[in-house]
């Protein structure tokens, strides 16, 4: 069971892959954070945001989770509009 509430129907191949990767990170906490974000937003992301999101998914969970939880500051070279969008989304939802 992935936890996803969104069907990949109607998404192009790249978005379907990102949706899958969002729910299959390796750490359940990251699955929930990025998976729920992808469920809600993947269809509306621009190509630039898709590029940024793809890069975000390449960051290991052990580095990304502390940035998302605020345990560690986000390095300037990793800060991006899509990461800020994920952070804002996380603040707006409750699990």
C-alpha atoms as a PDB file:
ATOM      1  CA  UNK A   1       0.000   0.000   0.000  1.00  0.00           C
ATOM      2  CA  UNK A   2       1.437   3.337  -1.016  1.00  0.00           C
ATOM      3  CA  UNK A   3      -0.826   5.763   0.787  1.00  0.00           C
ATOM      4  CA  UNK A   4      -1.539   7.706  -2.376  1.00  0.00           C
ATOM      5  CA  UNK A   5      -5.013   9.081  -2.852  1.00  0.00           C
ATOM      6  CA  UNK A   6      -4.386  10.271  -6.394  1.00  0.00           C
ATOM      7  CA  UNK A   7      -4.573   8.209  -9.526  1.00  0.00           C
ATOM      8  CA  UNK A   8      -1.761   8.602 -12.022  1.00  0.00           C
ATOM      9  CA  UNK A   9      -4.337   8.548 -14.799  1.00  0.00           C
ATOM     10  CA  UNK A  10      -4.029  11.604 -16.995  1.00  0.00           C
ATOM     11  CA  UNK A  11      -0.446  12.359 -15.943  1.00  0.00           C
ATOM     12  CA  UNK A  12       2.436  12.282 -18.391  1.00  0.00           C
ATOM     13  CA  UNK A  13       5.142   9.660 -17.822  1.00  0.00           C
ATOM     14  CA  UNK A  14       7.489  12.030 -15.991  1.00  0.00           C
ATOM     15  CA  UNK A  15       4.801  13.120 -13.508  1.00  0.00           C
ATOM     16  CA  UNK A  16       3.693   9.504 -12.951  1.00  0.00           C
ATOM     17  CA  UNK A  17       7.300   8.582 -12.130  1.00  0.00           C
ATOM     18  CA  UNK A  18       7.638  11.519  -9.719  1.00  0.00           C
ATOM     19  CA  UNK A  19       4.348  10.619  -8.034  1.00  0.00           C
ATOM     20  CA  UNK A  20       5.592   7.055  -7.537  1.00  0.00           C
ATOM     21  CA  UNK A  21       8.992   8.223  -6.259  1.00  0.00           C
ATOM     22  CA  UNK A  22       7.276  10.597  -3.819  1.00  0.00           C
ATOM     23  CA  UNK A  23       5.488   7.685  -2.170  1.00  0.00           C
ATOM     24  CA  UNK A  24       8.464   5.281  -2.257  1.00  0.00           C
ATOM     25  CA  UNK A  25      11.271   7.208  -0.582  1.00  0.00           C
ATOM     26  CA  UNK A  26      12.398   4.665   1.962  1.00  0.00           C
ATOM     27  CA  UNK A  27      11.463   6.621   5.087  1.00  0.00           C
ATOM     28  CA  UNK A  28       7.757   6.559   5.877  1.00  0.00           C
ATOM     29  CA  UNK A  29       7.904  10.156   7.151  1.00  0.00           C
ATOM     30  CA  UNK A  30       9.212  11.348   3.787  1.00  0.00           C
ATOM     31  CA  UNK A  31       6.666   9.189   1.948  1.00  0.00           C
ATOM     32  CA  UNK A  32       3.902  10.995   3.819  1.00  0.00           C
ATOM     33  CA  UNK A  33       5.324  14.488   3.369  1.00  0.00           C
ATOM     34  CA  UNK A  34       6.314  14.251  -0.287  1.00  0.00           C
ATOM     35  CA  UNK A  35       3.578  11.801  -1.255  1.00  0.00           C
ATOM     36  CA  UNK A  36       0.751  13.979   0.007  1.00  0.00           C
ATOM     37  CA  UNK A  37       2.384  17.006  -1.628  1.00  0.00           C
ATOM     38  CA  UNK A  38       2.638  15.139  -4.938  1.00  0.00           C
ATOM     39  CA  UNK A  39      -0.944  13.887  -4.681  1.00  0.00           C
ATOM     40  CA  UNK A  40      -2.174  17.447  -4.318  1.00  0.00           C
ATOM     41  CA  UNK A  41       0.223  19.344  -6.589  1.00  0.00           C
ATOM     42  CA  UNK A  42       1.893  17.143  -9.217  1.00  0.00           C
ATOM     43  CA  UNK A  43      -0.663  17.874 -11.915  1.00  0.00           C
ATOM     44  CA  UNK A  44      -0.355  21.644 -11.539  1.00  0.00           C
ATOM     45  CA  UNK A  45       3.438  22.006 -11.391  1.00  0.00           C
ATOM     46  CA  UNK A  46       5.112  23.925 -14.201  1.00  0.00           C
ATOM     47  CA  UNK A  47       8.012  22.407 -16.139  1.00  0.00           C
ATOM     48  CA  UNK A  48      10.467  24.480 -14.087  1.00  0.00           C
ATOM     49  CA  UNK A  49       8.855  23.259 -10.861  1.00  0.00           C
ATOM     50  CA  UNK A  50       8.941  19.679 -12.166  1.00  0.00           C
ATOM     51  CA  UNK A  51      12.692  20.065 -12.787  1.00  0.00           C
ATOM     52  CA  UNK A  52      13.165  21.410  -9.259  1.00  0.00           C
ATOM     53  CA  UNK A  53      10.984  18.694  -7.727  1.00  0.00           C
ATOM     54  CA  UNK A  54      12.908  15.995  -9.555  1.00  0.00           C
ATOM     55  CA  UNK A  55      16.124  17.421  -8.083  1.00  0.00           C
ATOM     56  CA  UNK A  56      14.519  17.511  -4.641  1.00  0.00           C
ATOM     57  CA  UNK A  57      13.679  13.808  -4.898  1.00  0.00           C
ATOM     58  CA  UNK A  58      17.333  13.072  -5.633  1.00  0.00           C
ATOM     59  CA  UNK A  59      18.332  14.357  -2.170  1.00  0.00           C
ATOM     60  CA  UNK A  60      18.670  11.513   0.365  1.00  0.00           C
ATOM     61  CA  UNK A  61      15.986  11.358   3.054  1.00  0.00           C
ATOM     62  CA  UNK A  62      18.591  11.699   5.802  1.00  0.00           C
ATOM     63  CA  UNK A  63      19.531  15.149   4.451  1.00  0.00           C
ATOM     64  CA  UNK A  64      16.091  16.314   3.339  1.00  0.00           C
ATOM     65  CA  UNK A  65      14.012  15.410   6.404  1.00  0.00           C
ATOM     66  CA  UNK A  66      15.935  17.672   8.827  1.00  0.00           C
ATOM     67  CA  UNK A  67      15.482  20.605   6.410  1.00  0.00           C
ATOM     68  CA  UNK A  68      11.760  19.971   6.105  1.00  0.00           C
ATOM     69  CA  UNK A  69      11.257  19.567   9.843  1.00  0.00           C
ATOM     70  CA  UNK A  70      13.365  22.634  10.632  1.00  0.00           C
ATOM     71  CA  UNK A  71      15.897  20.592  12.586  1.00  0.00           C
ATOM     72  CA  UNK A  72      18.635  21.902  10.289  1.00  0.00           C
ATOM     73  CA  UNK A  73      18.781  25.015   8.100  1.00  0.00           C
ATOM     74  CA  UNK A  74      18.394  24.564   4.367  1.00  0.00           C
ATOM     75  CA  UNK A  75      21.742  25.131   2.662  1.00  0.00           C
ATOM     76  CA  UNK A  76      21.618  28.126   0.324  1.00  0.00           C
ATOM     77  CA  UNK A  77      22.596  26.006  -2.668  1.00  0.00           C
ATOM     78  CA  UNK A  78      19.656  23.644  -2.020  1.00  0.00           C
ATOM     79  CA  UNK A  79      16.998  26.262  -1.324  1.00  0.00           C
ATOM     80  CA  UNK A  80      14.460  26.468  -4.137  1.00  0.00           C
ATOM     81  CA  UNK A  81      10.920  27.678  -4.754  1.00  0.00           C
ATOM     82  CA  UNK A  82       9.663  24.089  -4.911  1.00  0.00           C
ATOM     83  CA  UNK A  83      11.239  23.233  -1.550  1.00  0.00           C
ATOM     84  CA  UNK A  84       9.584  26.325  -0.081  1.00  0.00           C
ATOM     85  CA  UNK A  85       6.303  25.171  -1.625  1.00  0.00           C
ATOM     86  CA  UNK A  86       6.689  21.741   0.008  1.00  0.00           C
ATOM     87  CA  UNK A  87       7.410  23.435   3.357  1.00  0.00           C
ATOM     88  CA  UNK A  88       4.332  25.650   3.048  1.00  0.00           C
ATOM     89  CA  UNK A  89       2.212  22.653   2.079  1.00  0.00           C
ATOM     90  CA  UNK A  90       3.486  20.696   5.072  1.00  0.00           C
ATOM     91  CA  UNK A  91       2.576  23.570   7.398  1.00  0.00           C
ATOM     92  CA  UNK A  92      -0.936  23.724   5.946  1.00  0.00           C
ATOM     93  CA  UNK A  93      -1.780  20.030   6.424  1.00  0.00           C
ATOM     94  CA  UNK A  94      -2.033  17.760   9.408  1.00  0.00           C
ATOM     95  CA  UNK A  95      -1.530  14.017   9.328  1.00  0.00           C
END
